[in-house]
């Protein structure tokens, strides 16, 4: 294997390590929010980060209807409806109507929803500030390269066809993961 292939595999390994670290941090953030939920409502309401981000979306744009939430979060209307119904039931948000449109349902945060929204916003602000300080270590040329790299990586993942990667894997492997 030549040096270029070695370098490419090394970069790929670092990228996989980054993804694992990101997943661990996301898990920690989720646990943090579960503790906030328990303290806020004295409840063990089951939530995931999509639920928290729907609350954030509503908090940033209230009053907001289901279609707008789905569009802003790039979720299906069906999935958004399920999440909204769950959050309504748990007391994080409430339905409302505008005076000039009694047909359309809009969502607003309840008092506990607002508390969670502010905790989430504060955490994201702290994370963003840390990340901006980190990026401040790079010069203009390096930042231009990073910008291009992240844009290209985003496009790569948008265009990645996971189904074609998975085709034939069931036939190639048995349930234990061994090649047949």
Foldseek 3Di string as FASTA:
>chain_A
DDPVVVVVVVVVVVVVVVVVVVVVVQVVVQVVLQVLVCVLPVDNQDDHVVLLVLLLVCAVDPFDALVVSCVVVVHDSVVSVVSVVSCVVVQQKDWDDDPVGPPTITIHGDPSSVVSNVVVVVVVVVVVVVVVVVVVVDDPVVVVVVVVVVVVVVVCVVPDDVVVVCPPCPVQAPPVRDGD
